[in-house]
Amino acid sequence: MTQHICERLCINTVSSKPSGRIVVRLPFKDDPSYLGASYNTALRRFIAQEGRLTKSPQLRSQYVEFMNEYEGLGHMSAVENPNLRNPHYYIPLHCVLKPTSTTTKLRVVFDASCRTTTQKSLNELEMVGPTIQCDLILLRFRLYRFVLTADIVKMYRQVLMHEEDRKFQ
C-alpha cells in the first residue's frame, strides 16, 4: 500500500526544467518536523573525516577533487543563512577508498540513516517505493541480439532535488 502512495506522490510531484533535467520531491511518510538536531553529529563526523584525510595526502587529494567536481557540476551548493527553526537535516558523510576499482577509486557515502537528537533519521521518515528493476536482468540481457551499455557514473546526480526539500540534504 505504501509503495502505491509513494508511486502516486512521485507521479504528482515530479517535474522537469526547460533543460530537460528532472526535479523530484522527497517522499515523506511522516512530518519532517519529527527530525531533531543533526548538525553536531554531522560536524563531529566531518572533523573525524578531516583527521583521517590529514594522515593520507593522496586520499585527501581525491576527496577534495570529488567535492570540487560535485560543486562544479551543481550537485551541491553552499547554504547561506540557514533557518534552523524550520525542519532540516545535515547528512553526515565519509569516503571509502577502493584502490582495486577500475572506475571510481574513491566513493563518498552519504549516511541519511544517521539518527538525530529525536532518534529519527531522514531515511526513516521517507516512504519506500516499489522495486522497478527486473529480478532476472541477466537472463533478459541474453534475449536480444544487440545490447547497449553506457557509463552511468553520474546518472543519479542528474536528478535535481526540489528547492523546498534541499534543506534535508
N, C-alpha and C. Protein backbone atom coordinates (compact mmCIF):
# COMPACT_ATOMS: atom_id res chain seq x y z
N MET A 1 0.82 -1.20 0.00
CA MET A 1 0.00 0.00 0.00
C MET A 1 0.87 1.27 0.00
N THR A 2 1.87 1.30 0.88
CA THR A 2 2.76 2.46 0.96
C THR A 2 3.47 2.67 -0.37
N GLN A 3 3.82 1.57 -1.04
CA GLN A 3 4.51 1.69 -2.32
C GLN A 3 3.63 2.40 -3.35
N HIS A 4 2.32 2.13 -3.33
CA HIS A 4 1.40 2.78 -4.27
C HIS A 4 1.27 4.27 -3.96
N ILE A 5 1.22 4.60 -2.68
CA ILE A 5 1.15 6.01 -2.28
C ILE A 5 2.41 6.73 -2.73
N CYS A 6 3.56 6.08 -2.52
CA CYS A 6 4.84 6.67 -2.92
C CYS A 6 4.89 6.87 -4.44
N GLU A 7 4.42 5.88 -5.17
CA GLU A 7 4.41 5.99 -6.63
C GLU A 7 3.50 7.13 -7.09
N ARG A 8 2.32 7.26 -6.49
CA ARG A 8 1.40 8.36 -6.83
C ARG A 8 2.02 9.71 -6.49
N LEU A 9 2.67 9.79 -5.33
CA LEU A 9 3.34 11.03 -4.94
C LEU A 9 4.40 11.41 -5.97
N CYS A 10 5.15 10.43 -6.42
CA CYS A 10 6.18 10.66 -7.43
C CYS A 10 5.55 11.19 -8.72
N ILE A 11 4.51 10.54 -9.18
CA ILE A 11 3.84 10.95 -10.42
C ILE A 11 3.31 12.38 -10.31
N ASN A 12 2.78 12.73 -9.13
CA ASN A 12 2.17 14.04 -8.94
C ASN A 12 3.17 15.16 -8.67
N THR A 13 4.38 14.83 -8.26
CA THR A 13 5.32 15.90 -7.88
C THR A 13 6.55 16.01 -8.77
N VAL A 14 6.82 15.03 -9.60
CA VAL A 14 7.99 15.11 -10.48
C VAL A 14 7.73 16.13 -11.57
N SER A 15 8.72 16.96 -11.82
CA SER A 15 8.61 17.95 -12.89
C SER A 15 9.94 17.98 -13.64
N SER A 16 10.00 18.77 -14.69
CA SER A 16 11.26 18.90 -15.40
C SER A 16 11.53 20.36 -15.70
N LYS A 17 12.80 20.67 -15.78
CA LYS A 17 13.25 22.03 -16.11
C LYS A 17 13.31 22.16 -17.63
N PRO A 18 13.37 23.36 -18.14
CA PRO A 18 13.50 23.55 -19.60
C PRO A 18 14.72 22.83 -20.17
N SER A 19 15.76 22.65 -19.34
CA SER A 19 16.97 21.97 -19.79
C SER A 19 16.75 20.47 -19.97
N GLY A 20 15.60 19.96 -19.44
CA GLY A 20 15.32 18.54 -19.53
C GLY A 20 15.64 17.78 -18.25
N ARG A 21 16.31 18.43 -17.31
CA ARG A 21 16.64 17.77 -16.05
C ARG A 21 15.39 17.60 -15.21
N ILE A 22 15.30 16.48 -14.54
CA ILE A 22 14.14 16.13 -13.74
C ILE A 22 14.30 16.68 -12.33
N VAL A 23 13.19 17.16 -11.75
CA VAL A 23 13.16 17.69 -10.39
C VAL A 23 12.21 16.81 -9.58
N VAL A 24 12.68 16.33 -8.43
CA VAL A 24 11.86 15.45 -7.59
C VAL A 24 11.67 16.04 -6.20
N ARG A 25 10.63 15.56 -5.52
CA ARG A 25 10.37 15.90 -4.11
C ARG A 25 10.70 14.67 -3.26
N LEU A 26 11.05 14.90 -2.01
CA LEU A 26 11.28 13.79 -1.10
C LEU A 26 9.93 13.18 -0.71
N PRO A 27 9.83 11.87 -0.71
CA PRO A 27 8.55 11.21 -0.39
C PRO A 27 8.39 10.98 1.11
N PHE A 28 8.05 12.02 1.85
CA PHE A 28 7.91 11.90 3.29
C PHE A 28 6.67 11.10 3.65
N LYS A 29 6.82 10.13 4.56
CA LYS A 29 5.67 9.40 5.09
C LYS A 29 5.26 9.97 6.45
N ASP A 30 6.20 10.66 7.10
CA ASP A 30 5.95 11.33 8.37
C ASP A 30 6.38 12.78 8.26
N ASP A 31 5.85 13.60 9.12
CA ASP A 31 6.15 15.02 9.14
C ASP A 31 7.64 15.24 9.41
N PRO A 32 8.33 15.97 8.53
CA PRO A 32 9.77 16.19 8.74
C PRO A 32 10.10 16.97 10.00
N SER A 33 9.10 17.57 10.64
CA SER A 33 9.38 18.27 11.90
C SER A 33 9.74 17.28 13.01
N TYR A 34 9.54 15.97 12.78
CA TYR A 34 9.97 14.95 13.74
C TYR A 34 11.49 14.83 13.79
N LEU A 35 12.17 15.34 12.77
CA LEU A 35 13.63 15.30 12.78
C LEU A 35 14.16 16.21 13.88
N GLY A 36 15.11 15.71 14.61
CA GLY A 36 15.74 16.53 15.64
C GLY A 36 16.98 17.20 15.07
N ALA A 37 17.86 17.62 15.94
CA ALA A 37 19.10 18.28 15.54
C ALA A 37 20.07 17.25 14.96
N SER A 38 20.71 17.61 13.87
CA SER A 38 21.66 16.71 13.21
C SER A 38 23.02 17.37 12.97
N TYR A 39 23.10 18.68 13.16
CA TYR A 39 24.31 19.42 12.83
C TYR A 39 25.52 18.92 13.62
N ASN A 40 25.39 18.76 14.94
CA ASN A 40 26.54 18.39 15.76
C ASN A 40 27.10 17.02 15.38
N THR A 41 26.23 16.08 15.09
CA THR A 41 26.69 14.75 14.67
C THR A 41 27.42 14.84 13.33
N ALA A 42 26.83 15.58 12.39
CA ALA A 42 27.47 15.73 11.08
C ALA A 42 28.82 16.44 11.22
N LEU A 43 28.88 17.45 12.06
CA LEU A 43 30.14 18.18 12.28
C LEU A 43 31.18 17.27 12.92
N ARG A 44 30.78 16.50 13.92
CA ARG A 44 31.71 15.58 14.59
C ARG A 44 32.28 14.56 13.59
N ARG A 45 31.42 14.03 12.74
CA ARG A 45 31.90 13.08 11.73
C ARG A 45 32.80 13.76 10.70
N PHE A 46 32.48 15.00 10.36
CA PHE A 46 33.31 15.75 9.42
C PHE A 46 34.71 15.97 9.99
N ILE A 47 34.78 16.34 11.25
CA ILE A 47 36.08 16.57 11.90
C ILE A 47 36.88 15.27 11.95
N ALA A 48 36.21 14.15 12.24
CA ALA A 48 36.89 12.85 12.24
C ALA A 48 37.40 12.52 10.84
N GLN A 49 36.59 12.83 9.83
CA GLN A 49 36.99 12.59 8.44
C GLN A 49 38.20 13.45 8.08
N GLU A 50 38.20 14.70 8.50
CA GLU A 50 39.33 15.60 8.24
C GLU A 50 40.60 15.04 8.87
N GLY A 51 40.49 14.50 10.09
CA GLY A 51 41.65 13.90 10.74
C GLY A 51 42.20 12.73 9.94
N ARG A 52 41.30 11.91 9.42
CA ARG A 52 41.70 10.77 8.59
C ARG A 52 42.37 11.25 7.30
N LEU A 53 41.81 12.30 6.71
CA LEU A 53 42.36 12.82 5.45
C LEU A 53 43.73 13.48 5.66
N THR A 54 43.95 14.04 6.83
CA THR A 54 45.24 14.67 7.14
C THR A 54 46.36 13.64 7.12
N LYS A 55 46.04 12.42 7.51
CA LYS A 55 47.04 11.34 7.57
C LYS A 55 47.36 10.75 6.21
N SER A 56 46.52 11.02 5.22
CA SER A 56 46.74 10.46 3.89
C SER A 56 46.56 11.53 2.82
N PRO A 57 47.65 12.19 2.41
CA PRO A 57 47.54 13.24 1.39
C PRO A 57 46.91 12.77 0.08
N GLN A 58 47.16 11.53 -0.31
CA GLN A 58 46.57 11.01 -1.55
C GLN A 58 45.06 10.90 -1.42
N LEU A 59 44.58 10.38 -0.30
CA LEU A 59 43.14 10.26 -0.06
C LEU A 59 42.51 11.65 0.01
N ARG A 60 43.19 12.56 0.70
CA ARG A 60 42.68 13.94 0.81
C ARG A 60 42.55 14.57 -0.57
N SER A 61 43.55 14.39 -1.40
CA SER A 61 43.53 14.95 -2.74
C SER A 61 42.33 14.42 -3.54
N GLN A 62 42.09 13.13 -3.48
CA GLN A 62 40.96 12.52 -4.20
C GLN A 62 39.63 13.02 -3.64
N TYR A 63 39.56 13.14 -2.33
CA TYR A 63 38.33 13.62 -1.68
C TYR A 63 38.04 15.07 -2.09
N VAL A 64 39.05 15.92 -2.03
CA VAL A 64 38.88 17.33 -2.42
C VAL A 64 38.49 17.42 -3.90
N GLU A 65 39.12 16.60 -4.73
CA GLU A 65 38.78 16.58 -6.15
C GLU A 65 37.31 16.20 -6.35
N PHE A 66 36.85 15.18 -5.62
CA PHE A 66 35.46 14.75 -5.71
C PHE A 66 34.52 15.89 -5.30
N MET A 67 34.81 16.52 -4.16
CA MET A 67 33.94 17.58 -3.66
C MET A 67 33.93 18.79 -4.60
N ASN A 68 35.07 19.13 -5.17
CA ASN A 68 35.13 20.24 -6.13
C ASN A 68 34.31 19.92 -7.37
N GLU A 69 34.42 18.69 -7.85
CA GLU A 69 33.63 18.28 -9.01
C GLU A 69 32.14 18.30 -8.67
N TYR A 70 31.79 17.80 -7.50
CA TYR A 70 30.39 17.77 -7.04
C TYR A 70 29.80 19.17 -7.05
N GLU A 71 30.58 20.13 -6.53
CA GLU A 71 30.11 21.51 -6.51
C GLU A 71 30.10 22.12 -7.91
N GLY A 72 31.16 21.85 -8.69
CA GLY A 72 31.26 22.39 -10.05
C GLY A 72 30.14 21.93 -10.96
N LEU A 73 29.65 20.71 -10.75
CA LEU A 73 28.55 20.18 -11.55
C LEU A 73 27.18 20.66 -11.05
N GLY A 74 27.19 21.43 -9.97
CA GLY A 74 25.93 21.93 -9.43
C GLY A 74 25.17 20.92 -8.58
N HIS A 75 25.87 19.88 -8.12
CA HIS A 75 25.22 18.85 -7.31
C HIS A 75 25.18 19.22 -5.84
N MET A 76 25.88 20.28 -5.48
CA MET A 76 25.80 20.83 -4.12
C MET A 76 26.10 22.32 -4.21
N SER A 77 25.64 23.04 -3.20
CA SER A 77 25.91 24.47 -3.13
C SER A 77 25.98 24.87 -1.66
N ALA A 78 26.60 26.00 -1.40
CA ALA A 78 26.73 26.50 -0.03
C ALA A 78 25.35 26.91 0.48
N VAL A 79 25.10 26.67 1.75
CA VAL A 79 23.85 27.07 2.39
C VAL A 79 24.10 28.42 3.05
N GLU A 80 23.43 29.42 2.54
CA GLU A 80 23.58 30.78 3.08
C GLU A 80 22.49 31.03 4.11
N ASN A 81 22.86 31.41 5.30
CA ASN A 81 21.92 31.77 6.37
C ASN A 81 20.80 30.73 6.55
N PRO A 82 21.13 29.52 6.93
CA PRO A 82 20.08 28.50 7.10
C PRO A 82 19.12 28.87 8.23
N ASN A 83 17.83 28.63 8.01
CA ASN A 83 16.83 28.86 9.03
C ASN A 83 16.70 27.58 9.84
N LEU A 84 17.37 27.52 10.96
CA LEU A 84 17.41 26.30 11.76
C LEU A 84 16.15 26.09 12.58
N ARG A 85 15.21 27.02 12.52
CA ARG A 85 13.92 26.83 13.20
C ARG A 85 13.01 25.93 12.39
N ASN A 86 13.21 25.91 11.09
CA ASN A 86 12.42 25.03 10.21
C ASN A 86 13.06 23.65 10.18
N PRO A 87 12.27 22.60 9.93
CA PRO A 87 12.85 21.26 9.83
C PRO A 87 13.96 21.21 8.78
N HIS A 88 15.04 20.53 9.11
CA HIS A 88 16.19 20.40 8.21
C HIS A 88 16.97 19.16 8.64
N TYR A 89 17.97 18.81 7.84
CA TYR A 89 18.78 17.63 8.17
C TYR A 89 20.16 17.79 7.55
N TYR A 90 21.20 17.62 8.36
CA TYR A 90 22.57 17.60 7.86
C TYR A 90 22.97 16.14 7.71
N ILE A 91 23.29 15.73 6.50
CA ILE A 91 23.65 14.33 6.25
C ILE A 91 25.15 14.15 6.49
N PRO A 92 25.50 13.31 7.47
CA PRO A 92 26.93 13.02 7.66
C PRO A 92 27.45 12.24 6.44
N LEU A 93 28.72 12.38 6.18
CA LEU A 93 29.30 11.65 5.05
C LEU A 93 30.71 11.20 5.39
N HIS A 94 31.16 10.23 4.64
CA HIS A 94 32.55 9.78 4.75
C HIS A 94 32.96 9.21 3.40
N CYS A 95 34.25 9.04 3.22
CA CYS A 95 34.71 8.50 1.94
C CYS A 95 35.23 7.08 2.14
N VAL A 96 35.10 6.31 1.08
CA VAL A 96 35.57 4.93 1.06
C VAL A 96 36.54 4.82 -0.10
N LEU A 97 37.70 4.29 0.16
CA LEU A 97 38.72 4.12 -0.87
C LEU A 97 38.77 2.66 -1.29
N LYS A 98 38.67 2.44 -2.59
CA LYS A 98 38.77 1.09 -3.13
C LYS A 98 39.81 1.12 -4.25
N PRO A 99 41.08 0.93 -3.90
CA PRO A 99 42.16 1.06 -4.88
C PRO A 99 42.06 0.08 -6.06
N THR A 100 41.39 -1.05 -5.86
CA THR A 100 41.30 -2.05 -6.93
C THR A 100 40.23 -1.71 -7.97
N SER A 101 39.40 -0.73 -7.71
CA SER A 101 38.34 -0.36 -8.65
C SER A 101 38.94 0.20 -9.93
N THR A 102 38.37 -0.19 -11.07
CA THR A 102 38.87 0.31 -12.35
C THR A 102 38.24 1.64 -12.72
N THR A 103 37.11 1.98 -12.09
CA THR A 103 36.45 3.24 -12.43
C THR A 103 36.61 4.27 -11.32
N THR A 104 35.94 4.09 -10.21
CA THR A 104 35.95 5.08 -9.13
C THR A 104 36.69 4.52 -7.93
N LYS A 105 37.88 5.03 -7.70
CA LYS A 105 38.68 4.54 -6.58
C LYS A 105 38.19 5.12 -5.25
N LEU A 106 37.67 6.33 -5.28
CA LEU A 106 37.13 6.96 -4.07
C LEU A 106 35.63 7.15 -4.25
N ARG A 107 34.90 6.78 -3.23
CA ARG A 107 33.45 6.93 -3.24
C ARG A 107 33.07 7.68 -1.97
N VAL A 108 32.17 8.65 -2.08
CA VAL A 108 31.70 9.37 -0.91
C VAL A 108 30.33 8.82 -0.56
N VAL A 109 30.18 8.44 0.71
CA VAL A 109 28.95 7.81 1.19
C VAL A 109 28.20 8.79 2.07
N PHE A 110 26.95 9.08 1.72
CA PHE A 110 26.10 9.97 2.50
C PHE A 110 25.22 9.09 3.40
N ASP A 111 25.24 9.36 4.70
CA ASP A 111 24.58 8.50 5.68
C ASP A 111 23.27 9.11 6.17
N ALA A 112 22.22 9.00 5.37
CA ALA A 112 20.91 9.54 5.76
C ALA A 112 20.19 8.63 6.75
N SER A 113 20.84 7.55 7.18
CA SER A 113 20.30 6.69 8.23
C SER A 113 20.78 7.13 9.61
N CYS A 114 21.63 8.13 9.66
CA CYS A 114 22.15 8.63 10.93
C CYS A 114 21.01 9.32 11.69
N ARG A 115 20.83 8.92 12.94
CA ARG A 115 19.73 9.44 13.74
C ARG A 115 20.05 10.81 14.33
N THR A 116 18.99 11.58 14.51
CA THR A 116 19.11 12.92 15.09
C THR A 116 18.87 12.84 16.60
N THR A 117 18.74 13.99 17.24
CA THR A 117 18.51 14.02 18.68
C THR A 117 17.14 13.45 19.08
N THR A 118 16.23 13.31 18.12
CA THR A 118 14.93 12.69 18.41
C THR A 118 14.94 11.20 18.08
N GLN A 119 16.12 10.68 17.76
CA GLN A 119 16.30 9.27 17.38
C GLN A 119 15.59 8.92 16.07
N LYS A 120 15.36 9.92 15.22
CA LYS A 120 14.79 9.72 13.88
C LYS A 120 15.86 10.10 12.85
N SER A 121 15.85 9.38 11.75
CA SER A 121 16.76 9.72 10.65
C SER A 121 15.93 10.15 9.44
N LEU A 122 16.58 10.77 8.49
CA LEU A 122 15.88 11.17 7.26
C LEU A 122 15.31 9.94 6.56
N ASN A 123 16.08 8.87 6.47
CA ASN A 123 15.60 7.66 5.81
C ASN A 123 14.34 7.11 6.46
N GLU A 124 14.26 7.19 7.78
CA GLU A 124 13.10 6.65 8.50
C GLU A 124 11.82 7.42 8.18
N LEU A 125 11.93 8.67 7.82
CA LEU A 125 10.75 9.50 7.56
C LEU A 125 10.29 9.44 6.11
N GLU A 126 11.03 8.72 5.26
CA GLU A 126 10.69 8.66 3.84
C GLU A 126 10.03 7.32 3.48
N MET A 127 9.12 7.41 2.52
CA MET A 127 8.48 6.20 2.00
C MET A 127 9.46 5.43 1.14
N VAL A 128 9.20 4.15 1.00
CA VAL A 128 9.99 3.30 0.11
C VAL A 128 9.11 2.96 -1.08
N GLY A 129 9.59 3.27 -2.26
CA GLY A 129 8.83 2.99 -3.47
C GLY A 129 8.99 1.54 -3.90
N PRO A 130 8.28 1.16 -4.95
CA PRO A 130 8.36 -0.22 -5.43
C PRO A 130 9.70 -0.50 -6.09
N THR A 131 10.11 -1.74 -6.07
CA THR A 131 11.29 -2.17 -6.81
C THR A 131 10.90 -2.19 -8.28
N ILE A 132 11.65 -1.49 -9.10
CA ILE A 132 11.24 -1.40 -10.50
C ILE A 132 12.19 -2.11 -11.46
N GLN A 133 13.32 -2.57 -10.97
CA GLN A 133 14.21 -3.30 -11.86
C GLN A 133 13.84 -4.78 -11.85
N CYS A 134 14.09 -5.41 -12.96
CA CYS A 134 13.77 -6.83 -13.11
C CYS A 134 14.72 -7.68 -12.26
N ASP A 135 14.15 -8.65 -11.55
CA ASP A 135 14.97 -9.53 -10.72
C ASP A 135 15.91 -10.40 -11.56
N LEU A 136 15.50 -10.68 -12.77
CA LEU A 136 16.29 -11.57 -13.62
C LEU A 136 16.90 -10.82 -14.78
N ILE A 137 17.53 -9.69 -14.48
CA ILE A 137 18.05 -8.82 -15.53
C ILE A 137 19.10 -9.51 -16.40
N LEU A 138 19.91 -10.38 -15.81
CA LEU A 138 20.92 -11.08 -16.61
C LEU A 138 20.29 -12.01 -17.63
N LEU A 139 19.20 -12.63 -17.26
CA LEU A 139 18.50 -13.50 -18.22
C LEU A 139 17.90 -12.67 -19.35
N ARG A 140 17.29 -11.54 -19.01
CA ARG A 140 16.71 -10.68 -20.04
C ARG A 140 17.79 -10.14 -20.98
N PHE A 141 18.97 -9.93 -20.44
CA PHE A 141 20.10 -9.41 -21.20
C PHE A 141 20.40 -10.34 -22.39
N ARG A 142 20.18 -11.62 -22.23
CA ARG A 142 20.52 -12.60 -23.26
C ARG A 142 19.41 -12.79 -24.29
N LEU A 143 18.26 -12.15 -24.12
CA LEU A 143 17.14 -12.34 -25.04
C LEU A 143 17.28 -11.57 -26.34
N TYR A 144 18.12 -10.57 -26.37
CA TYR A 144 18.20 -9.69 -27.53
C TYR A 144 19.49 -9.91 -28.31
N ARG A 145 19.40 -9.64 -29.59
CA ARG A 145 20.56 -9.81 -30.46
C ARG A 145 21.62 -8.74 -30.22
N PHE A 146 21.16 -7.50 -29.98
CA PHE A 146 22.08 -6.39 -29.75
C PHE A 146 21.87 -5.84 -28.34
N VAL A 147 22.96 -5.45 -27.72
CA VAL A 147 22.92 -4.93 -26.36
C VAL A 147 23.70 -3.62 -26.32
N LEU A 148 23.15 -2.63 -25.63
CA LEU A 148 23.84 -1.36 -25.46
C LEU A 148 24.28 -1.24 -24.01
N THR A 149 25.44 -0.66 -23.81
CA THR A 149 25.91 -0.36 -22.47
C THR A 149 26.26 1.12 -22.43
N ALA A 150 26.28 1.66 -21.23
CA ALA A 150 26.60 3.08 -21.08
C ALA A 150 27.29 3.30 -19.74
N ASP A 151 28.04 4.37 -19.67
CA ASP A 151 28.68 4.77 -18.42
C ASP A 151 27.69 5.62 -17.64
N ILE A 152 27.27 5.16 -16.47
CA ILE A 152 26.25 5.87 -15.71
C ILE A 152 26.80 6.42 -14.40
N VAL A 153 28.09 6.74 -14.38
CA VAL A 153 28.74 7.19 -13.16
C VAL A 153 27.97 8.32 -12.48
N LYS A 154 27.53 9.32 -13.22
CA LYS A 154 26.87 10.48 -12.63
C LYS A 154 25.37 10.52 -12.94
N MET A 155 24.82 9.41 -13.40
CA MET A 155 23.42 9.38 -13.78
C MET A 155 22.50 9.82 -12.64
N TYR A 156 22.72 9.28 -11.45
CA TYR A 156 21.82 9.57 -10.34
C TYR A 156 21.90 11.01 -9.89
N ARG A 157 23.01 11.67 -10.15
CA ARG A 157 23.13 13.07 -9.75
C ARG A 157 22.56 14.02 -10.79
N GLN A 158 21.98 13.51 -11.86
CA GLN A 158 21.35 14.37 -12.86
C GLN A 158 19.93 14.73 -12.47
N VAL A 159 19.39 14.03 -11.48
CA VAL A 159 18.06 14.33 -10.97
C VAL A 159 18.22 15.39 -9.89
N LEU A 160 17.48 16.48 -10.03
CA LEU A 160 17.60 17.59 -9.09
C LEU A 160 16.58 17.46 -7.96
N MET A 161 16.96 17.93 -6.80
CA MET A 161 16.06 17.97 -5.65
C MET A 161 15.28 19.27 -5.70
N HIS A 162 13.99 19.20 -5.45
CA HIS A 162 13.14 20.39 -5.41
C HIS A 162 13.70 21.38 -4.39
N GLU A 163 13.64 22.64 -4.70
CA GLU A 163 14.21 23.70 -3.87
C GLU A 163 13.77 23.60 -2.41
N GLU A 164 12.49 23.30 -2.17
CA GLU A 164 11.97 23.24 -0.80
C GLU A 164 12.50 22.04 0.00
N ASP A 165 13.00 21.01 -0.68
CA ASP A 165 13.48 19.81 0.00
C ASP A 165 15.00 19.78 0.18
N ARG A 166 15.69 20.75 -0.38
CA ARG A 166 17.16 20.76 -0.28
C ARG A 166 17.66 20.91 1.14
N LYS A 167 16.87 21.50 2.00
CA LYS A 167 17.29 21.69 3.40
C LYS A 167 17.40 20.36 4.14
N PHE A 168 16.91 19.29 3.53
CA PHE A 168 17.03 17.96 4.14
C PHE A 168 18.24 17.21 3.60
N GLN A 169 18.99 17.85 2.75
CA GLN A 169 20.17 17.18 2.19
C GLN A 169 21.40 18.05 2.33
